Amino acid sequence: MDLLIPSLGVIILVLLVPFALWLWALIEIIRSDFKESSQKIIWLLVLIFLPFLGWLLYVIIGRGQRVKPEGQA
């Protein structure tokens, strides 16, 4: 019977980690400037409508579309 009750560690991994990654991506999108102004809105919509896949797509594709601040290579 104990096997049916998830432990706290499993709950944290399943719920908190994806939420933290989603929140990180949301904050980074809001704070970043993109090459085209419409890209920020598109990434926000992707993140909102595809929350579990959206942050992964942003990390793989979206981070390369940002404008790097002056002084950074």
PDB file of N, CA and C in Angstrom:
ATOM      1  N   MET A   1       0.819  -1.194   0.000  1.00  0.00           N
ATOM      2  CA  MET A   1       0.000   0.000   0.000  1.00  0.00           C
ATOM      3  C   MET A   1       0.860   1.254   0.000  1.00  0.00           C
ATOM      4  N   ASP A   2       2.041   1.183   0.620  1.00  0.00           N
ATOM      5  CA  ASP A   2       2.908   2.347   0.673  1.00  0.00           C
ATOM      6  C   ASP A   2       3.435   2.730  -0.709  1.00  0.00           C
ATOM      7  N   LEU A   3       3.465   1.793  -1.626  1.00  0.00           N
ATOM      8  CA  LEU A   3       3.964   2.070  -2.967  1.00  0.00           C
ATOM      9  C   LEU A   3       3.008   2.943  -3.761  1.00  0.00           C
ATOM     10  N   LEU A   4       1.752   2.969  -3.389  1.00  0.00           N
ATOM     11  CA  LEU A   4       0.768   3.759  -4.113  1.00  0.00           C
ATOM     12  C   LEU A   4       0.785   5.237  -3.706  1.00  0.00           C
ATOM     13  N   ILE A   5       1.323   5.536  -2.563  1.00  0.00           N
ATOM     14  CA  ILE A   5       1.376   6.907  -2.072  1.00  0.00           C
ATOM     15  C   ILE A   5       2.714   7.512  -2.493  1.00  0.00           C
ATOM     16  N   PRO A   6       2.690   8.538  -3.363  1.00  0.00           N
ATOM     17  CA  PRO A   6       3.965   9.120  -3.812  1.00  0.00           C
ATOM     18  C   PRO A   6       4.667   9.851  -2.670  1.00  0.00           C
ATOM     19  N   SER A   7       5.958   9.743  -2.661  1.00  0.00           N
ATOM     20  CA  SER A   7       6.718  10.430  -1.628  1.00  0.00           C
ATOM     21  C   SER A   7       6.824  11.908  -1.974  1.00  0.00           C
ATOM     22  N   LEU A   8       7.253  12.684  -1.019  1.00  0.00           N
ATOM     23  CA  LEU A   8       7.380  14.121  -1.217  1.00  0.00           C
ATOM     24  C   LEU A   8       8.390  14.441  -2.311  1.00  0.00           C
ATOM     25  N   GLY A   9       9.455  13.665  -2.408  1.00  0.00           N
ATOM     26  CA  GLY A   9      10.464  13.887  -3.432  1.00  0.00           C
ATOM     27  C   GLY A   9       9.906  13.727  -4.840  1.00  0.00           C
ATOM     28  N   VAL A  10       9.054  12.749  -5.020  1.00  0.00           N
ATOM     29  CA  VAL A  10       8.436  12.529  -6.326  1.00  0.00           C
ATOM     30  C   VAL A  10       7.500  13.681  -6.667  1.00  0.00           C
ATOM     31  N   ILE A  11       6.755  14.141  -5.699  1.00  0.00           N
ATOM     32  CA  ILE A  11       5.840  15.262  -5.922  1.00  0.00           C
ATOM     33  C   ILE A  11       6.618  16.508  -6.323  1.00  0.00           C
ATOM     34  N   ILE A  12       7.723  16.754  -5.657  1.00  0.00           N
ATOM     35  CA  ILE A  12       8.550  17.917  -5.979  1.00  0.00           C
ATOM     36  C   ILE A  12       9.090  17.804  -7.399  1.00  0.00           C
ATOM     37  N   LEU A  13       9.592  16.644  -7.767  1.00  0.00           N
ATOM     38  CA  LEU A  13      10.135  16.449  -9.110  1.00  0.00           C
ATOM     39  C   LEU A  13       9.072  16.615 -10.181  1.00  0.00           C
ATOM     40  N   VAL A  14       7.892  16.106  -9.924  1.00  0.00           N
ATOM     41  CA  VAL A  14       6.841  16.112 -10.935  1.00  0.00           C
ATOM     42  C   VAL A  14       6.167  17.481 -11.055  1.00  0.00           C
ATOM     43  N   LEU A  15       6.031  18.209  -9.972  1.00  0.00           N
ATOM     44  CA  LEU A  15       5.294  19.468  -9.997  1.00  0.00           C
ATOM     45  C   LEU A  15       6.173  20.713  -9.898  1.00  0.00           C
ATOM     46  N   LEU A  16       7.070  20.743  -8.944  1.00  0.00           N
ATOM     47  CA  LEU A  16       7.836  21.954  -8.679  1.00  0.00           C
ATOM     48  C   LEU A  16       8.925  22.228  -9.705  1.00  0.00           C
ATOM     49  N   VAL A  17       9.633  21.213 -10.136  1.00  0.00           N
ATOM     50  CA  VAL A  17      10.726  21.420 -11.088  1.00  0.00           C
ATOM     51  C   VAL A  17      10.211  21.958 -12.422  1.00  0.00           C
ATOM     52  N   PRO A  18       9.179  21.343 -13.036  1.00  0.00           N
ATOM     53  CA  PRO A  18       8.667  21.923 -14.282  1.00  0.00           C
ATOM     54  C   PRO A  18       8.125  23.340 -14.100  1.00  0.00           C
ATOM     55  N   PHE A  19       7.479  23.605 -12.967  1.00  0.00           N
ATOM     56  CA  PHE A  19       6.981  24.952 -12.730  1.00  0.00           C
ATOM     57  C   PHE A  19       8.122  25.946 -12.592  1.00  0.00           C
ATOM     58  N   ALA A  20       9.183  25.568 -11.909  1.00  0.00           N
ATOM     59  CA  ALA A  20      10.336  26.461 -11.751  1.00  0.00           C
ATOM     60  C   ALA A  20      10.987  26.747 -13.102  1.00  0.00           C
ATOM     61  N   LEU A  21      11.112  25.742 -13.953  1.00  0.00           N
ATOM     62  CA  LEU A  21      11.678  25.947 -15.287  1.00  0.00           C
ATOM     63  C   LEU A  21      10.779  26.844 -16.137  1.00  0.00           C
ATOM     64  N   TRP A  22       9.471  26.645 -16.038  1.00  0.00           N
ATOM     65  CA  TRP A  22       8.514  27.482 -16.763  1.00  0.00           C
ATOM     66  C   TRP A  22       8.605  28.933 -16.283  1.00  0.00           C
ATOM     67  N   LEU A  23       8.681  29.135 -14.983  1.00  0.00           N
ATOM     68  CA  LEU A  23       8.779  30.478 -14.416  1.00  0.00           C
ATOM     69  C   LEU A  23      10.081  31.154 -14.820  1.00  0.00           C
ATOM     70  N   TRP A  24      11.195  30.414 -14.799  1.00  0.00           N
ATOM     71  CA  TRP A  24      12.483  30.949 -15.246  1.00  0.00           C
ATOM     72  C   TRP A  24      12.395  31.430 -16.699  1.00  0.00           C
ATOM     73  N   ALA A  25      11.811  30.604 -17.575  1.00  0.00           N
ATOM     74  CA  ALA A  25      11.693  30.976 -18.985  1.00  0.00           C
ATOM     75  C   ALA A  25      10.800  32.205 -19.141  1.00  0.00           C
ATOM     76  N   LEU A  26       9.727  32.278 -18.394  1.00  0.00           N
ATOM     77  CA  LEU A  26       8.824  33.432 -18.460  1.00  0.00           C
ATOM     78  C   LEU A  26       9.546  34.716 -18.077  1.00  0.00           C
ATOM     79  N   ILE A  27      10.280  34.684 -16.993  1.00  0.00           N
ATOM     80  CA  ILE A  27      11.021  35.864 -16.541  1.00  0.00           C
ATOM     81  C   ILE A  27      12.091  36.247 -17.553  1.00  0.00           C
ATOM     82  N   GLU A  28      12.788  35.269 -18.097  1.00  0.00           N
ATOM     83  CA  GLU A  28      13.839  35.574 -19.063  1.00  0.00           C
ATOM     84  C   GLU A  28      13.270  36.162 -20.348  1.00  0.00           C
ATOM     85  N   ILE A  29      12.130  35.663 -20.800  1.00  0.00           N
ATOM     86  CA  ILE A  29      11.506  36.214 -22.005  1.00  0.00           C
ATOM     87  C   ILE A  29      11.086  37.653 -21.760  1.00  0.00           C
ATOM     88  N   ILE A  30      10.481  37.924 -20.626  1.00  0.00           N
ATOM     89  CA  ILE A  30      10.005  39.275 -20.324  1.00  0.00           C
ATOM     90  C   ILE A  30      11.169  40.253 -20.217  1.00  0.00           C
ATOM     91  N   ARG A  31      12.275  39.837 -19.627  1.00  0.00           N
ATOM     92  CA  ARG A  31      13.416  40.735 -19.410  1.00  0.00           C
ATOM     93  C   ARG A  31      14.298  40.912 -20.642  1.00  0.00           C
ATOM     94  N   SER A  32      14.181  40.021 -21.635  1.00  0.00           N
ATOM     95  CA  SER A  32      15.085  40.039 -22.781  1.00  0.00           C
ATOM     96  C   SER A  32      14.536  40.882 -23.923  1.00  0.00           C
ATOM     97  N   ASP A  33      15.459  41.369 -24.743  1.00  0.00           N
ATOM     98  CA  ASP A  33      15.107  42.014 -26.002  1.00  0.00           C
ATOM     99  C   ASP A  33      15.402  41.027 -27.114  1.00  0.00           C
ATOM    100  N   PHE A  34      14.557  41.033 -28.137  1.00  0.00           N
ATOM    101  CA  PHE A  34      14.710  40.119 -29.246  1.00  0.00           C
ATOM    102  C   PHE A  34      15.008  40.893 -30.523  1.00  0.00           C
ATOM    103  N   LYS A  35      15.509  40.164 -31.527  1.00  0.00           N
ATOM    104  CA  LYS A  35      15.878  40.793 -32.793  1.00  0.00           C
ATOM    105  C   LYS A  35      14.669  41.445 -33.451  1.00  0.00           C
ATOM    106  N   GLU A  36      13.521  40.811 -33.360  1.00  0.00           N
ATOM    107  CA  GLU A  36      12.273  41.368 -33.859  1.00  0.00           C
ATOM    108  C   GLU A  36      11.314  41.506 -32.682  1.00  0.00           C
ATOM    109  N   SER A  37      10.577  42.592 -32.655  1.00  0.00           N
ATOM    110  CA  SER A  37       9.710  42.849 -31.497  1.00  0.00           C
ATOM    111  C   SER A  37       8.594  41.811 -31.359  1.00  0.00           C
ATOM    112  N   SER A  38       8.161  41.231 -32.458  1.00  0.00           N
ATOM    113  CA  SER A  38       7.071  40.256 -32.387  1.00  0.00           C
ATOM    114  C   SER A  38       7.530  38.927 -31.772  1.00  0.00           C
ATOM    115  N   GLN A  39       8.822  38.664 -31.744  1.00  0.00           N
ATOM    116  CA  GLN A  39       9.317  37.399 -31.214  1.00  0.00           C
ATOM    117  C   GLN A  39       9.037  37.248 -29.723  1.00  0.00           C
ATOM    118  N   LYS A  40       9.080  38.344 -28.991  1.00  0.00           N
ATOM    119  CA  LYS A  40       8.790  38.267 -27.554  1.00  0.00           C
ATOM    120  C   LYS A  40       7.352  37.821 -27.329  1.00  0.00           C
ATOM    121  N   ILE A  41       6.425  38.380 -28.080  1.00  0.00           N
ATOM    122  CA  ILE A  41       5.015  38.009 -27.936  1.00  0.00           C
ATOM    123  C   ILE A  41       4.804  36.552 -28.341  1.00  0.00           C
ATOM    124  N   ILE A  42       5.449  36.148 -29.423  1.00  0.00           N
ATOM    125  CA  ILE A  42       5.315  34.766 -29.880  1.00  0.00           C
ATOM    126  C   ILE A  42       5.825  33.795 -28.822  1.00  0.00           C
ATOM    127  N   TRP A  43       7.000  34.081 -28.240  1.00  0.00           N
ATOM    128  CA  TRP A  43       7.548  33.186 -27.216  1.00  0.00           C
ATOM    129  C   TRP A  43       6.679  33.165 -25.965  1.00  0.00           C
ATOM    130  N   LEU A  44       6.104  34.300 -25.602  1.00  0.00           N
ATOM    131  CA  LEU A  44       5.198  34.313 -24.450  1.00  0.00           C
ATOM    132  C   LEU A  44       3.973  33.445 -24.717  1.00  0.00           C
ATOM    133  N   LEU A  45       3.425  33.530 -25.928  1.00  0.00           N
ATOM    134  CA  LEU A  45       2.264  32.711 -26.271  1.00  0.00           C
ATOM    135  C   LEU A  45       2.619  31.221 -26.297  1.00  0.00           C
ATOM    136  N   VAL A  46       3.786  30.892 -26.844  1.00  0.00           N
ATOM    137  CA  VAL A  46       4.229  29.493 -26.850  1.00  0.00           C
ATOM    138  C   VAL A  46       4.358  28.990 -25.420  1.00  0.00           C
ATOM    139  N   LEU A  47       4.941  29.795 -24.565  1.00  0.00           N
ATOM    140  CA  LEU A  47       5.140  29.393 -23.167  1.00  0.00           C
ATOM    141  C   LEU A  47       3.815  29.231 -22.427  1.00  0.00           C
ATOM    142  N   ILE A  48       2.856  30.088 -22.717  1.00  0.00           N
ATOM    143  CA  ILE A  48       1.560  30.017 -22.032  1.00  0.00           C
ATOM    144  C   ILE A  48       0.729  28.836 -22.523  1.00  0.00           C
ATOM    145  N   PHE A  49       0.695  28.621 -23.849  1.00  0.00           N
ATOM    146  CA  PHE A  49      -0.167  27.574 -24.390  1.00  0.00           C
ATOM    147  C   PHE A  49       0.480  26.187 -24.418  1.00  0.00           C
ATOM    148  N   LEU A  50       1.795  26.113 -24.347  1.00  0.00           N
ATOM    149  CA  LEU A  50       2.508  24.838 -24.285  1.00  0.00           C
ATOM    150  C   LEU A  50       3.478  24.877 -23.106  1.00  0.00           C
ATOM    151  N   PRO A  51       2.966  24.892 -21.884  1.00  0.00           N
ATOM    152  CA  PRO A  51       3.837  25.148 -20.734  1.00  0.00           C
ATOM    153  C   PRO A  51       4.964  24.135 -20.559  1.00  0.00           C
ATOM    154  N   PHE A  52       4.708  22.867 -20.737  1.00  0.00           N
ATOM    155  CA  PHE A  52       5.757  21.880 -20.496  1.00  0.00           C
ATOM    156  C   PHE A  52       6.744  21.806 -21.647  1.00  0.00           C
ATOM    157  N   LEU A  53       6.259  22.025 -22.848  1.00  0.00           N
ATOM    158  CA  LEU A  53       7.124  21.999 -24.019  1.00  0.00           C
ATOM    159  C   LEU A  53       7.688  23.385 -24.323  1.00  0.00           C
ATOM    160  N   GLY A  54       6.967  24.432 -23.931  1.00  0.00           N
ATOM    161  CA  GLY A  54       7.357  25.797 -24.262  1.00  0.00           C
ATOM    162  C   GLY A  54       8.710  26.205 -23.712  1.00  0.00           C
ATOM    163  N   TRP A  55       8.993  25.887 -22.462  1.00  0.00           N
ATOM    164  CA  TRP A  55      10.289  26.284 -21.896  1.00  0.00           C
ATOM    165  C   TRP A  55      11.429  25.537 -22.559  1.00  0.00           C
ATOM    166  N   LEU A  56      11.189  24.283 -22.937  1.00  0.00           N
ATOM    167  CA  LEU A  56      12.229  23.520 -23.614  1.00  0.00           C
ATOM    168  C   LEU A  56      12.495  24.088 -25.017  1.00  0.00           C
ATOM    169  N   LEU A  57      11.444  24.422 -25.735  1.00  0.00           N
ATOM    170  CA  LEU A  57      11.609  25.043 -27.045  1.00  0.00           C
ATOM    171  C   LEU A  57      12.317  26.389 -26.933  1.00  0.00           C
ATOM    172  N   TYR A  58      11.993  27.148 -25.905  1.00  0.00           N
ATOM    173  CA  TYR A  58      12.646  28.449 -25.718  1.00  0.00           C
ATOM    174  C   TYR A  58      14.142  28.275 -25.471  1.00  0.00           C
ATOM    175  N   VAL A  59      14.516  27.314 -24.648  1.00  0.00           N
ATOM    176  CA  VAL A  59      15.933  27.087 -24.358  1.00  0.00           C
ATOM    177  C   VAL A  59      16.675  26.658 -25.624  1.00  0.00           C
ATOM    178  N   ILE A  60      16.059  25.784 -26.420  1.00  0.00           N
ATOM    179  CA  ILE A  60      16.718  25.267 -27.616  1.00  0.00           C
ATOM    180  C   ILE A  60      16.749  26.297 -28.742  1.00  0.00           C
ATOM    181  N   ILE A  61      15.645  26.992 -28.969  1.00  0.00           N
ATOM    182  CA  ILE A  61      15.520  27.882 -30.132  1.00  0.00           C
ATOM    183  C   ILE A  61      15.548  29.358 -29.746  1.00  0.00           C
ATOM    184  N   GLY A  62      14.753  29.726 -28.755  1.00  0.00           N
ATOM    185  CA  GLY A  62      14.499  31.131 -28.453  1.00  0.00           C
ATOM    186  C   GLY A  62      15.667  31.918 -27.898  1.00  0.00           C
ATOM    187  N   ARG A  63      16.516  31.277 -27.125  1.00  0.00           N
ATOM    188  CA  ARG A  63      17.628  32.016 -26.516  1.00  0.00           C
ATOM    189  C   ARG A  63      18.583  32.549 -27.575  1.00  0.00           C
ATOM    190  N   GLY A  64      18.678  31.891 -28.700  1.00  0.00           N
ATOM    191  CA  GLY A  64      19.533  32.353 -29.783  1.00  0.00           C
ATOM    192  C   GLY A  64      18.952  33.539 -30.538  1.00  0.00           C
ATOM    193  N   GLN A  65      17.693  33.838 -30.325  1.00  0.00           N
ATOM    194  CA  GLN A  65      17.029  34.941 -31.007  1.00  0.00           C
ATOM    195  C   GLN A  65      17.095  36.245 -30.218  1.00  0.00           C
ATOM    196  N   ARG A  66      17.643  36.180 -29.037  1.00  0.00           N
ATOM    197  CA  ARG A  66      17.734  37.381 -28.207  1.00  0.00           C
ATOM    198  C   ARG A  66      18.832  38.313 -28.712  1.00  0.00           C
ATOM    199  N   VAL A  67      18.692  39.588 -28.395  1.00  0.00           N
ATOM    200  CA  VAL A  67      19.736  40.571 -28.674  1.00  0.00           C
ATOM    201  C   VAL A  67      20.657  40.583 -27.470  1.00  0.00           C
ATOM    202  N   LYS A  68      21.934  40.388 -27.718  1.00  0.00           N
ATOM    203  CA  LYS A  68      22.894  40.383 -26.615  1.00  0.00           C
ATOM    204  C   LYS A  68      23.204  41.822 -26.215  1.00  0.00           C
ATOM    205  N   PRO A  69      23.245  42.100 -24.909  1.00  0.00           N
ATOM    206  CA  PRO A  69      23.593  43.446 -24.450  1.00  0.00           C
ATOM    207  C   PRO A  69      25.014  43.834 -24.901  1.00  0.00           C
ATOM    208  N   GLU A  70      25.218  45.114 -25.078  1.00  0.00           N
ATOM    209  CA  GLU A  70      26.550  45.594 -25.472  1.00  0.00           C
ATOM    210  C   GLU A  70      27.577  45.193 -24.425  1.00  0.00           C
ATOM    211  N   GLY A  71      28.752  44.817 -24.894  1.00  0.00           N
ATOM    212  CA  GLY A  71      29.814  44.422 -23.992  1.00  0.00           C
ATOM    213  C   GLY A  71      29.924  42.926 -23.803  1.00  0.00           C
ATOM    214  N   GLN A  72      28.934  42.178 -24.290  1.00  0.00           N
ATOM    215  CA  GLN A  72      28.983  40.725 -24.212  1.00  0.00           C
ATOM    216  C   GLN A  72      29.298  40.163 -25.580  1.00  0.00           C
ATOM    217  N   ALA A  73      30.121  39.149 -25.620  1.00  0.00           N
ATOM    218  CA  ALA A  73      30.504  38.555 -26.921  1.00  0.00           C
ATOM    219  C   ALA A  73      29.480  37.555 -27.368  1.00  0.00           C
TER     220      ALA A  73
END
